[in-house]
Protein backbone atom coordinates (compact mmCIF):
# COMPACT_ATOMS: atom_id res chain seq x y z
CA UNK A 1 3.45 12.04 -36.21
CA UNK A 2 1.84 13.30 -33.00
CA UNK A 3 3.22 16.21 -31.03
CA UNK A 4 1.95 18.57 -28.37
CA UNK A 5 3.62 21.96 -28.04
CA UNK A 6 6.68 20.53 -29.79
CA UNK A 7 7.60 18.42 -26.76
CA UNK A 8 7.33 14.87 -28.05
CA UNK A 9 6.96 12.87 -31.23
CA UNK A 10 5.20 9.54 -31.83
CA UNK A 11 5.14 7.82 -35.21
CA UNK A 12 1.77 6.73 -36.58
CA UNK A 13 1.32 3.91 -39.08
CA UNK A 14 1.24 5.56 -42.54
CA UNK A 15 -2.05 3.80 -43.40
CA UNK A 16 -3.81 4.90 -40.20
CA UNK A 17 -6.94 7.00 -40.68
CA UNK A 18 -6.70 10.72 -39.98
CA UNK A 19 -7.43 11.77 -36.39
CA UNK A 20 -11.07 12.78 -36.02
CA UNK A 21 -12.03 16.02 -34.26
CA UNK A 22 -12.34 15.87 -30.47
CA UNK A 23 -15.74 14.42 -29.57
CA UNK A 24 -16.23 12.67 -32.93
CA UNK A 25 -16.57 8.88 -33.14
CA UNK A 26 -13.39 6.83 -32.86
CA UNK A 27 -12.01 5.68 -36.21
CA UNK A 28 -8.98 3.72 -34.98
CA UNK A 29 -6.38 6.38 -35.75
CA UNK A 30 -4.45 5.39 -32.60
CA UNK A 31 -3.42 8.93 -31.70
CA UNK A 32 -4.77 8.76 -28.13
CA UNK A 33 -2.96 5.50 -27.30
CA UNK A 34 0.21 6.51 -29.10
CA UNK A 35 0.29 9.80 -27.22
CA UNK A 36 -0.17 8.43 -23.70
CA UNK A 37 -1.77 5.40 -22.06
CA UNK A 38 -5.29 5.52 -20.62
CA UNK A 39 -5.80 4.33 -17.00
CA UNK A 40 -5.75 0.68 -18.12
CA UNK A 41 -2.79 1.35 -20.38
CA UNK A 42 -0.89 2.81 -17.43
CA UNK A 43 -1.37 -0.47 -15.59
CA UNK A 44 -0.46 -2.60 -18.62
CA UNK A 45 2.45 -0.40 -19.73
CA UNK A 46 3.67 0.25 -16.18
CA UNK A 47 4.21 3.90 -17.07
CA UNK A 48 2.24 7.15 -17.35
CA UNK A 49 3.87 8.46 -20.52
CA UNK A 50 4.70 7.12 -23.94
CA UNK A 51 2.73 4.80 -26.19
CA UNK A 52 0.51 2.10 -24.72
CA UNK A 53 1.85 -1.45 -24.96
CA UNK A 54 -1.65 -2.80 -25.60
CA UNK A 55 -2.09 -0.86 -28.86
CA UNK A 56 -2.35 -3.19 -31.89
CA UNK A 57 -2.24 -2.36 -35.60
CA UNK A 58 -4.65 -4.28 -37.84
CA UNK A 59 -3.33 -4.54 -41.42
CA UNK A 60 -6.61 -5.87 -42.81
CA UNK A 61 -8.75 -3.07 -41.36
CA UNK A 62 -6.01 -0.43 -41.63
CA UNK A 63 -6.62 0.87 -38.11
CA UNK A 64 -5.49 0.52 -34.52
CA UNK A 65 -7.30 -1.47 -31.84
CA UNK A 66 -6.91 -1.85 -28.10
CA UNK A 67 -5.29 -5.23 -27.49
CA UNK A 68 -7.07 -5.48 -24.13
CA UNK A 69 -10.38 -5.45 -26.02
CA UNK A 70 -9.27 -7.83 -28.76
CA UNK A 71 -7.54 -10.41 -26.60
CA UNK A 72 -7.77 -9.56 -22.88
CA UNK A 73 -5.85 -12.64 -21.72
CA UNK A 74 -2.87 -11.84 -23.93
CA UNK A 75 -2.88 -8.10 -23.13
CA UNK A 76 -3.11 -8.82 -19.41
CA UNK A 77 -0.17 -11.23 -19.69
CA UNK A 78 -2.15 -14.35 -18.77
CA UNK A 79 -1.02 -17.78 -19.91
CA UNK A 80 -2.77 -21.11 -19.98
CA UNK A 81 -4.96 -21.01 -23.06
CA UNK A 82 -8.13 -19.16 -23.99
CA UNK A 83 -10.53 -17.94 -21.35
CA UNK A 84 -14.16 -19.08 -21.22
CA UNK A 85 -16.43 -16.89 -23.38
CA UNK A 86 -18.31 -15.51 -20.38
CA UNK A 87 -15.05 -14.35 -18.78
CA UNK A 88 -13.82 -12.79 -22.02
CA UNK A 89 -17.12 -10.92 -22.40
CA UNK A 90 -17.05 -9.75 -18.79
CA UNK A 91 -13.45 -8.50 -19.05
CA UNK A 92 -14.14 -6.80 -22.41
CA UNK A 93 -17.08 -4.91 -20.90
CA UNK A 94 -14.85 -3.71 -18.08
CA UNK A 95 -12.05 -2.77 -20.45
CA UNK A 96 -14.46 -0.88 -22.73
CA UNK A 97 -15.69 1.12 -19.77
CA UNK A 98 -12.21 1.78 -18.42
CA UNK A 99 -10.86 3.01 -21.77
CA UNK A 100 -14.06 4.99 -22.46
CA UNK A 101 -14.74 3.09 -25.69
CA UNK A 102 -17.62 4.64 -27.61
CA UNK A 103 -17.30 8.03 -25.89
CA UNK A 104 -15.70 9.76 -28.84
CA UNK A 105 -12.24 11.14 -29.52
CA UNK A 106 -10.59 12.68 -26.49
CA UNK A 107 -7.09 13.16 -27.89
CA UNK A 108 -6.59 16.91 -27.82
CA UNK A 109 -3.19 16.80 -29.50
CA UNK A 110 -1.81 18.10 -32.76
CA UNK A 111 -1.08 15.66 -35.56
CA UNK A 112 1.53 16.73 -38.08
CA UNK A 113 2.79 15.16 -41.26
CA UNK A 114 6.39 13.99 -41.32
CA UNK A 115 6.61 14.97 -44.99
CA UNK A 116 8.63 18.15 -45.65
C-alpha cells in the first residue's frame, strides 16, 4: 500500500519487492508508477494522477515493468503487428530516457503494510 500524507492509497502486488531508498537502483517495486504516472504515463493514461496504465506485473520475475519499454507498440495503442526491430529499439531508447530509467528511485512516498 502506498500513501502520502494519508491522502491516497494504491495497492501493490503482494510479491513485489520492497521499495528501495530514494536514489537507489530500481528493483521493480512499482511504487513510482502506482503512485502517479511519469510524463509518458500521463500521455498514455490521459491523466496526471492515479496509477499508470502502462505498468505491467511480471509473475515470473516477481516485479513490475514499464509496458512502454516491454512492448512499445501495445502500450502506445498501435495495431497492425510487430514493429521492425530498429523501430522498437529507437522507441525503447526514447521511452527509457523519458521515464528516467536507470536514474534510480525517485518515489519519495511512504509505503505501508496493509496488515494490522
